[in-house]
């Protein structure tokens, strides 16, 4: 009985650690010209970035042709990791938008996170933010 309890606790601890570090990619809403994406896959979280636990946010500008295809992708703000920037640029170039009949431009924010607890709480629920005195 005791052994089963220990095995269960070990499994639950391992599972919760895996969940705490689940990589995710969040693509924000396009801002700029009024266009509607009809095909908008998320960028891949590059293995090199995941294995180094790299996280980052960037902004990419898409120029859209009158037929809704993307003519170019420009990085406005880097995610801070070359492989994440490449992944974002590659997938955004494949996006498709509802035809608006004229060229359009939108900016797309993207965030790559590992789900690693950060800050003073470390996932233990809300806690007071520590006060600090500015250096003199």
C-alpha atoms as a PDB file:
ATOM      1  CA  UNK A   1       0.000   0.000   0.000  1.00  0.00           C
ATOM      2  CA  UNK A   2       2.766   2.408   0.965  1.00  0.00           C
ATOM      3  CA  UNK A   3       4.684   1.541  -2.195  1.00  0.00           C
ATOM      4  CA  UNK A   4       1.635   2.284  -4.373  1.00  0.00           C
ATOM      5  CA  UNK A   5       1.212   5.648  -2.675  1.00  0.00           C
ATOM      6  CA  UNK A   6       4.865   6.520  -3.307  1.00  0.00           C
ATOM      7  CA  UNK A   7       4.575   5.510  -6.963  1.00  0.00           C
ATOM      8  CA  UNK A   8       1.401   7.575  -7.345  1.00  0.00           C
ATOM      9  CA  UNK A   9       3.040  10.637  -5.794  1.00  0.00           C
ATOM     10  CA  UNK A  10       6.095  10.231  -8.039  1.00  0.00           C
ATOM     11  CA  UNK A  11       3.859   9.996 -11.100  1.00  0.00           C
ATOM     12  CA  UNK A  12       1.808  13.048 -10.111  1.00  0.00           C
ATOM     13  CA  UNK A  13       4.947  15.107  -9.439  1.00  0.00           C
ATOM     14  CA  UNK A  14       6.435  14.147 -12.809  1.00  0.00           C
ATOM     15  CA  UNK A  15       3.146  14.882 -14.588  1.00  0.00           C
ATOM     16  CA  UNK A  16       2.767  18.299 -12.982  1.00  0.00           C
ATOM     17  CA  UNK A  17       6.341  19.225 -13.915  1.00  0.00           C
ATOM     18  CA  UNK A  18       5.674  18.243 -17.516  1.00  0.00           C
ATOM     19  CA  UNK A  19       2.504  20.327 -17.556  1.00  0.00           C
ATOM     20  CA  UNK A  20       4.299  23.320 -16.054  1.00  0.00           C
ATOM     21  CA  UNK A  21       6.725  23.359 -18.965  1.00  0.00           C
ATOM     22  CA  UNK A  22       4.306  22.805 -21.830  1.00  0.00           C
ATOM     23  CA  UNK A  23       5.337  24.953 -24.783  1.00  0.00           C
ATOM     24  CA  UNK A  24       2.655  27.120 -26.318  1.00  0.00           C
ATOM     25  CA  UNK A  25       2.410  29.568 -29.165  1.00  0.00           C
ATOM     26  CA  UNK A  26      -0.062  32.423 -28.885  1.00  0.00           C
ATOM     27  CA  UNK A  27      -0.862  34.394 -32.016  1.00  0.00           C
ATOM     28  CA  UNK A  28      -2.662  37.672 -31.345  1.00  0.00           C
ATOM     29  CA  UNK A  29      -5.347  39.336 -33.413  1.00  0.00           C
ATOM     30  CA  UNK A  30      -4.185  41.132 -36.571  1.00  0.00           C
ATOM     31  CA  UNK A  31      -4.135  44.918 -36.279  1.00  0.00           C
ATOM     32  CA  UNK A  32      -4.142  47.338 -39.183  1.00  0.00           C
ATOM     33  CA  UNK A  33      -6.323  47.161 -42.284  1.00  0.00           C
ATOM     34  CA  UNK A  34      -9.668  45.414 -41.859  1.00  0.00           C
ATOM     35  CA  UNK A  35      -8.974  41.938 -43.190  1.00  0.00           C
ATOM     36  CA  UNK A  36     -10.192  38.541 -42.049  1.00  0.00           C
ATOM     37  CA  UNK A  37      -7.809  35.565 -41.936  1.00  0.00           C
ATOM     38  CA  UNK A  38      -9.297  32.400 -43.444  1.00  0.00           C
ATOM     39  CA  UNK A  39      -6.186  30.233 -43.087  1.00  0.00           C
ATOM     40  CA  UNK A  40      -3.966  31.081 -40.119  1.00  0.00           C
ATOM     41  CA  UNK A  41      -1.807  28.245 -38.739  1.00  0.00           C
ATOM     42  CA  UNK A  42       0.384  28.917 -35.706  1.00  0.00           C
ATOM     43  CA  UNK A  43       4.173  28.970 -36.030  1.00  0.00           C
ATOM     44  CA  UNK A  44       6.058  25.881 -34.864  1.00  0.00           C
ATOM     45  CA  UNK A  45       7.893  26.186 -31.560  1.00  0.00           C
ATOM     46  CA  UNK A  46      11.389  25.345 -32.814  1.00  0.00           C
ATOM     47  CA  UNK A  47      12.942  22.381 -31.013  1.00  0.00           C
ATOM     48  CA  UNK A  48      16.175  24.342 -30.511  1.00  0.00           C
ATOM     49  CA  UNK A  49      14.222  27.029 -28.650  1.00  0.00           C
ATOM     50  CA  UNK A  50      12.259  24.501 -26.589  1.00  0.00           C
ATOM     51  CA  UNK A  51      15.371  22.581 -25.559  1.00  0.00           C
ATOM     52  CA  UNK A  52      16.998  25.854 -24.434  1.00  0.00           C
ATOM     53  CA  UNK A  53      13.733  26.936 -22.735  1.00  0.00           C
ATOM     54  CA  UNK A  54      13.700  30.100 -24.815  1.00  0.00           C
ATOM     55  CA  UNK A  55      10.601  32.256 -24.646  1.00  0.00           C
ATOM     56  CA  UNK A  56       9.862  35.422 -26.552  1.00  0.00           C
ATOM     57  CA  UNK A  57       7.367  37.747 -28.179  1.00  0.00           C
ATOM     58  CA  UNK A  58       7.600  39.414 -31.541  1.00  0.00           C
ATOM     59  CA  UNK A  59       5.578  41.422 -34.027  1.00  0.00           C
ATOM     60  CA  UNK A  60       5.415  40.679 -37.745  1.00  0.00           C
ATOM     61  CA  UNK A  61       3.949  42.839 -40.497  1.00  0.00           C
ATOM     62  CA  UNK A  62       2.183  41.131 -43.382  1.00  0.00           C
ATOM     63  CA  UNK A  63       1.545  42.808 -46.713  1.00  0.00           C
ATOM     64  CA  UNK A  64      -1.520  41.303 -48.312  1.00  0.00           C
ATOM     65  CA  UNK A  65      -2.367  41.228 -51.999  1.00  0.00           C
ATOM     66  CA  UNK A  66      -5.884  42.087 -53.229  1.00  0.00           C
ATOM     67  CA  UNK A  67      -6.603  38.336 -53.626  1.00  0.00           C
ATOM     68  CA  UNK A  68      -5.846  37.663 -49.915  1.00  0.00           C
ATOM     69  CA  UNK A  69      -2.441  36.024 -50.300  1.00  0.00           C
ATOM     70  CA  UNK A  70       0.581  37.341 -48.416  1.00  0.00           C
ATOM     71  CA  UNK A  71       3.120  39.140 -50.589  1.00  0.00           C
ATOM     72  CA  UNK A  72       5.710  39.711 -47.833  1.00  0.00           C
ATOM     73  CA  UNK A  73       6.407  39.272 -44.134  1.00  0.00           C
ATOM     74  CA  UNK A  74       8.576  41.776 -42.290  1.00  0.00           C
ATOM     75  CA  UNK A  75       9.804  41.362 -38.743  1.00  0.00           C
ATOM     76  CA  UNK A  76       8.937  44.510 -36.796  1.00  0.00           C
ATOM     77  CA  UNK A  77      10.173  43.174 -33.436  1.00  0.00           C
ATOM     78  CA  UNK A  78      12.189  39.986 -33.045  1.00  0.00           C
ATOM     79  CA  UNK A  79      11.199  37.234 -30.637  1.00  0.00           C
ATOM     80  CA  UNK A  80      14.826  37.243 -29.544  1.00  0.00           C
ATOM     81  CA  UNK A  81      15.572  33.835 -31.055  1.00  0.00           C
ATOM     82  CA  UNK A  82      16.447  33.347 -34.725  1.00  0.00           C
ATOM     83  CA  UNK A  83      14.670  29.979 -35.082  1.00  0.00           C
ATOM     84  CA  UNK A  84      11.423  31.382 -33.642  1.00  0.00           C
ATOM     85  CA  UNK A  85      11.640  34.364 -36.010  1.00  0.00           C
ATOM     86  CA  UNK A  86      12.203  32.031 -38.968  1.00  0.00           C
ATOM     87  CA  UNK A  87       9.316  29.785 -37.952  1.00  0.00           C
ATOM     88  CA  UNK A  88       7.001  32.792 -37.612  1.00  0.00           C
ATOM     89  CA  UNK A  89       8.047  34.325 -40.920  1.00  0.00           C
ATOM     90  CA  UNK A  90       7.629  31.014 -42.744  1.00  0.00           C
ATOM     91  CA  UNK A  91       4.132  30.293 -41.429  1.00  0.00           C
ATOM     92  CA  UNK A  92       2.862  33.879 -41.757  1.00  0.00           C
ATOM     93  CA  UNK A  93       3.823  33.844 -45.441  1.00  0.00           C
ATOM     94  CA  UNK A  94       1.346  30.952 -45.873  1.00  0.00           C
ATOM     95  CA  UNK A  95      -1.581  32.769 -44.240  1.00  0.00           C
ATOM     96  CA  UNK A  96      -4.591  33.583 -46.403  1.00  0.00           C
ATOM     97  CA  UNK A  97      -7.141  36.344 -45.941  1.00  0.00           C
ATOM     98  CA  UNK A  98     -10.600  36.984 -47.311  1.00  0.00           C
ATOM     99  CA  UNK A  99     -10.197  39.013 -50.492  1.00  0.00           C
ATOM    100  CA  UNK A 100     -10.707  42.737 -49.914  1.00  0.00           C
ATOM    101  CA  UNK A 101      -9.984  43.866 -53.466  1.00  0.00           C
ATOM    102  CA  UNK A 102      -7.045  46.118 -52.566  1.00  0.00           C
ATOM    103  CA  UNK A 103      -3.595  45.728 -50.990  1.00  0.00           C
ATOM    104  CA  UNK A 104      -3.622  45.671 -47.184  1.00  0.00           C
ATOM    105  CA  UNK A 105      -1.138  45.591 -44.292  1.00  0.00           C
ATOM    106  CA  UNK A 106      -1.551  43.993 -40.859  1.00  0.00           C
ATOM    107  CA  UNK A 107       0.665  43.442 -37.842  1.00  0.00           C
ATOM    108  CA  UNK A 108       0.542  40.110 -36.047  1.00  0.00           C
ATOM    109  CA  UNK A 109       1.885  39.649 -32.492  1.00  0.00           C
ATOM    110  CA  UNK A 110       3.197  36.215 -31.529  1.00  0.00           C
ATOM    111  CA  UNK A 111       4.341  34.858 -28.162  1.00  0.00           C
ATOM    112  CA  UNK A 112       6.257  31.662 -27.454  1.00  0.00           C
ATOM    113  CA  UNK A 113       6.092  30.440 -23.834  1.00  0.00           C
ATOM    114  CA  UNK A 114       7.286  27.341 -22.039  1.00  0.00           C
ATOM    115  CA  UNK A 115       4.745  27.606 -19.245  1.00  0.00           C
ATOM    116  CA  UNK A 116       7.566  27.895 -16.712  1.00  0.00           C
ATOM    117  CA  UNK A 117       6.437  29.520 -13.480  1.00  0.00           C
ATOM    118  CA  UNK A 118       8.086  32.891 -13.031  1.00  0.00           C
ATOM    119  CA  UNK A 119       8.067  35.702 -10.543  1.00  0.00           C
ATOM    120  CA  UNK A 120       7.806  35.570  -6.777  1.00  0.00           C
ATOM    121  CA  UNK A 121       4.844  33.184  -6.586  1.00  0.00           C
ATOM    122  CA  UNK A 122       6.342  30.306  -8.647  1.00  0.00           C
ATOM    123  CA  UNK A 123       2.855  28.995  -9.302  1.00  0.00           C
ATOM    124  CA  UNK A 124       1.783  28.891  -5.648  1.00  0.00           C
ATOM    125  CA  UNK A 125      -1.113  31.278  -6.097  1.00  0.00           C
ATOM    126  CA  UNK A 126      -1.341  35.028  -5.602  1.00  0.00           C
ATOM    127  CA  UNK A 127       1.224  36.579  -3.313  1.00  0.00           C
ATOM    128  CA  UNK A 128       2.238  40.109  -2.504  1.00  0.00           C
ATOM    129  CA  UNK A 129       4.729  41.683  -4.860  1.00  0.00           C
ATOM    130  CA  UNK A 130       7.931  42.404  -2.926  1.00  0.00           C
ATOM    131  CA  UNK A 131       8.847  46.050  -2.610  1.00  0.00           C
ATOM    132  CA  UNK A 132      12.323  47.094  -3.568  1.00  0.00           C
ATOM    133  CA  UNK A 133      14.267  50.247  -3.005  1.00  0.00           C
ATOM    134  CA  UNK A 134      15.895  51.815  -6.062  1.00  0.00           C
ATOM    135  CA  UNK A 135      19.717  51.734  -6.058  1.00  0.00           C
ATOM    136  CA  UNK A 136      21.462  54.930  -4.948  1.00  0.00           C
END
